[in-house]
Protein backbone atom coordinates (compact mmCIF):
# COMPACT_ATOMS: atom_id res chain seq x y z
CA UNK A 1 25.86 -9.84 -11.88
CA UNK A 2 24.48 -13.34 -12.20
CA UNK A 3 24.16 -15.89 -9.47
CA UNK A 4 23.73 -19.59 -10.08
CA UNK A 5 21.04 -21.48 -8.22
CA UNK A 6 22.80 -22.59 -5.08
CA UNK A 7 20.72 -24.39 -2.43
CA UNK A 8 23.66 -24.34 0.01
CA UNK A 9 23.57 -20.54 -0.08
CA UNK A 10 19.99 -20.61 1.24
CA UNK A 11 20.14 -23.48 3.69
CA UNK A 12 19.74 -27.18 3.17
CA UNK A 13 15.92 -27.21 3.20
CA UNK A 14 15.36 -24.76 0.35
CA UNK A 15 15.88 -24.62 -3.36
CA UNK A 16 15.96 -21.38 -5.28
CA UNK A 17 15.26 -19.75 -8.58
CA UNK A 18 16.94 -16.39 -9.11
CA UNK A 19 15.49 -13.40 -10.92
CA UNK A 20 17.51 -10.34 -11.94
CA UNK A 21 15.88 -7.11 -10.78
CA UNK A 22 17.28 -3.56 -10.75
CA UNK A 23 20.86 -4.83 -10.25
CA UNK A 24 19.69 -6.84 -7.27
CA UNK A 25 18.79 -10.49 -7.17
CA UNK A 26 15.38 -11.43 -5.85
CA UNK A 27 15.21 -15.06 -4.89
CA UNK A 28 11.97 -16.98 -5.15
CA UNK A 29 11.96 -19.78 -2.58
CA UNK A 30 10.11 -23.01 -2.75
CA UNK A 31 8.59 -24.21 0.54
CA UNK A 32 10.87 -26.24 2.81
CA UNK A 33 10.72 -29.97 2.08
CA UNK A 34 8.79 -30.58 5.29
CA UNK A 35 5.91 -28.17 4.51
CA UNK A 36 2.95 -28.75 2.29
CA UNK A 37 1.36 -25.62 0.80
CA UNK A 38 -2.22 -25.87 -0.39
CA UNK A 39 -3.72 -22.92 -2.21
CA UNK A 40 -7.42 -22.30 -2.32
CA UNK A 41 -9.41 -19.76 -4.29
CA UNK A 42 -12.13 -19.28 -1.71
CA UNK A 43 -13.46 -15.95 -0.49
CA UNK A 44 -10.91 -13.28 0.28
CA UNK A 45 -10.18 -12.31 3.83
CA UNK A 46 -7.25 -10.85 5.70
CA UNK A 47 -5.93 -11.88 9.06
CA UNK A 48 -5.75 -9.03 11.54
CA UNK A 49 -4.40 -11.48 14.08
CA UNK A 50 -1.00 -10.48 15.45
CA UNK A 51 -0.37 -13.77 17.24
CA UNK A 52 2.10 -14.85 14.56
CA UNK A 53 4.12 -11.63 14.53
CA UNK A 54 7.45 -11.62 16.35
CA UNK A 55 6.23 -9.34 19.10
CA UNK A 56 8.78 -7.84 21.48
CA UNK A 57 6.22 -7.53 24.29
CA UNK A 58 3.84 -10.45 23.90
CA UNK A 59 1.71 -9.61 26.93
CA UNK A 60 0.67 -6.15 25.78
CA UNK A 61 -2.10 -5.15 23.41
CA UNK A 62 -1.38 -4.21 19.81
CA UNK A 63 -2.41 -0.77 18.54
CA UNK A 64 -2.18 0.23 14.90
CA UNK A 65 -0.72 3.62 14.06
CA UNK A 66 1.50 5.33 11.52
CA UNK A 67 4.77 7.00 12.46
CA UNK A 68 4.32 10.56 11.18
CA UNK A 69 7.74 11.80 12.30
CA UNK A 70 10.61 10.77 14.55
CA UNK A 71 13.84 12.17 15.90
CA UNK A 72 16.79 10.64 17.71
CA UNK A 73 17.18 12.08 21.21
CA UNK A 74 20.61 10.59 22.01
CA UNK A 75 24.02 10.93 20.37
CA UNK A 76 27.23 8.96 20.47
CA UNK A 77 28.28 5.47 19.46
CA UNK A 78 28.32 4.04 22.98
CA UNK A 79 24.83 5.26 23.86
CA UNK A 80 21.62 3.33 23.23
CA UNK A 81 19.48 5.22 20.73
CA UNK A 82 16.33 6.79 22.11
CA UNK A 83 13.70 8.03 19.67
CA UNK A 84 10.83 10.47 19.95
CA UNK A 85 7.91 9.39 17.77
CA UNK A 86 4.96 11.36 16.46
CA UNK A 87 2.17 8.83 15.89
CA UNK A 88 -0.95 9.33 13.79
CA UNK A 89 -3.23 7.76 16.39
CA UNK A 90 -3.52 8.92 19.95
CA UNK A 91 -6.17 6.28 20.71
CA UNK A 92 -3.97 4.22 23.00
CA UNK A 93 -2.73 5.08 26.49
CA UNK A 94 0.94 5.83 27.01
CA UNK A 95 3.14 7.86 29.30
CA UNK A 96 6.43 9.64 28.54
CA UNK A 97 9.22 7.11 28.91
CA UNK A 98 7.10 4.09 27.97
CA UNK A 99 8.83 1.45 25.89
CA UNK A 100 7.08 0.23 22.75
CA UNK A 101 7.71 -2.41 20.16
CA UNK A 102 7.13 -1.61 16.50
CA UNK A 103 5.73 -4.22 14.12
CA UNK A 104 6.43 -2.72 10.69
CA UNK A 105 4.45 -3.52 7.56
CA UNK A 106 5.68 -3.46 3.99
CA UNK A 107 3.98 -1.08 1.58
CA UNK A 108 1.25 -2.44 -0.70
CA UNK A 109 2.96 -0.97 -3.76
CA UNK A 110 6.31 -2.66 -3.00
CA UNK A 111 4.65 -6.02 -2.35
CA UNK A 112 2.71 -5.74 -5.61
CA UNK A 113 5.92 -4.84 -7.50
CA UNK A 114 7.65 -7.87 -5.97
CA UNK A 115 4.84 -10.26 -6.99
CA UNK A 116 4.77 -8.69 -10.47
CA UNK A 117 8.56 -8.95 -10.89
CA UNK A 118 8.49 -12.59 -9.82
CA UNK A 119 5.68 -13.25 -12.30
CA UNK A 120 3.23 -14.45 -9.65
CA UNK A 121 0.94 -11.42 -9.31
CA UNK A 122 -2.11 -13.56 -10.12
CA UNK A 123 -1.47 -15.50 -6.88
CA UNK A 124 -1.34 -12.46 -4.55
CA UNK A 125 -4.89 -12.83 -3.25
CA UNK A 126 -4.96 -16.63 -3.10
CA UNK A 127 -5.53 -18.36 0.17
CA UNK A 128 -2.92 -20.80 1.44
CA UNK A 129 -2.75 -23.43 4.15
CA UNK A 130 0.56 -24.74 5.52
CA UNK A 131 0.82 -28.21 7.00
CA UNK A 132 3.71 -30.50 7.78
CA UNK A 133 4.05 -33.23 5.17
CA UNK A 134 3.25 -36.67 6.50
CA UNK A 135 6.23 -38.18 4.67
CA UNK A 136 8.82 -35.67 5.91
CA UNK A 137 12.12 -37.14 7.04
CA UNK A 138 13.07 -34.19 9.22
CA UNK A 139 13.35 -34.99 12.90
CA UNK A 140 10.89 -32.95 15.02
CA UNK A 141 9.48 -30.82 12.18
CA UNK A 142 7.75 -27.59 13.13
CA UNK A 143 5.80 -24.86 11.42
CA UNK A 144 7.43 -21.45 10.93
CA UNK A 145 6.47 -19.48 14.04
CA UNK A 146 6.30 -16.11 12.28
CA UNK A 147 3.87 -17.15 9.51
CA UNK A 148 0.21 -17.97 10.18
CA UNK A 149 -0.68 -21.54 9.13
CA UNK A 150 -3.37 -20.21 6.80
CA UNK A 151 -4.31 -16.93 5.22
CA UNK A 152 -3.69 -14.94 2.04
CA UNK A 153 -0.26 -14.88 0.37
CA UNK A 154 -0.23 -11.09 0.11
CA UNK A 155 -0.64 -10.82 3.90
CA UNK A 156 2.53 -12.84 4.50
CA UNK A 157 4.52 -10.32 2.46
CA UNK A 158 2.73 -7.30 3.94
CA UNK A 159 2.88 -8.23 7.62
CA UNK A 160 5.13 -11.20 8.32
CA UNK A 161 8.26 -10.87 6.14
CA UNK A 162 10.82 -8.11 5.77
CA UNK A 163 11.13 -7.85 1.99
CA UNK A 164 13.93 -5.25 2.20
CA UNK A 165 16.24 -7.30 4.40
CA UNK A 166 18.85 -9.48 2.68
CA UNK A 167 18.13 -13.17 3.06
CA UNK A 168 20.11 -15.20 5.55
CA UNK A 169 20.62 -18.89 6.04
CA UNK A 170 17.70 -20.58 7.75
CA UNK A 171 18.82 -22.44 10.85
CA UNK A 172 17.48 -25.82 11.86
CA UNK A 173 15.68 -25.60 15.17
């Protein structure tokens, strides 16, 4: 299956280059026309700041843990699913019945495979800084809320993007 480069398929602010991969198409996006991306090769650091994650409960603290096991406690199509989770860390306070939000991370090996397949593995650990271009013609331009304005490229793919989810059209805000 081959797909032609089609900017309309991705939204009017993006252009695309397609790469064939395991019978799926991985699309490498260029930055929106309103963003300027500067890469730097300064010292490596990672951002452990969760302020840019789409958090379901923004007022609560974030605790890191691994889901060891889970089971669905409810059945039926008209019933909201309720899960029981077994977490690796018990270092945070919770009571039975508490509601939690889960901020998933992509695996390091999958992110590395993606960068390798796209031919940009040498850029994984490069720092970036996003700014709005001064010559943008977009009315009321804004930065993407789910991506930190600066950091390391690998961190975006590990913590801020769902690399398994099919792409959808990006809406103007």
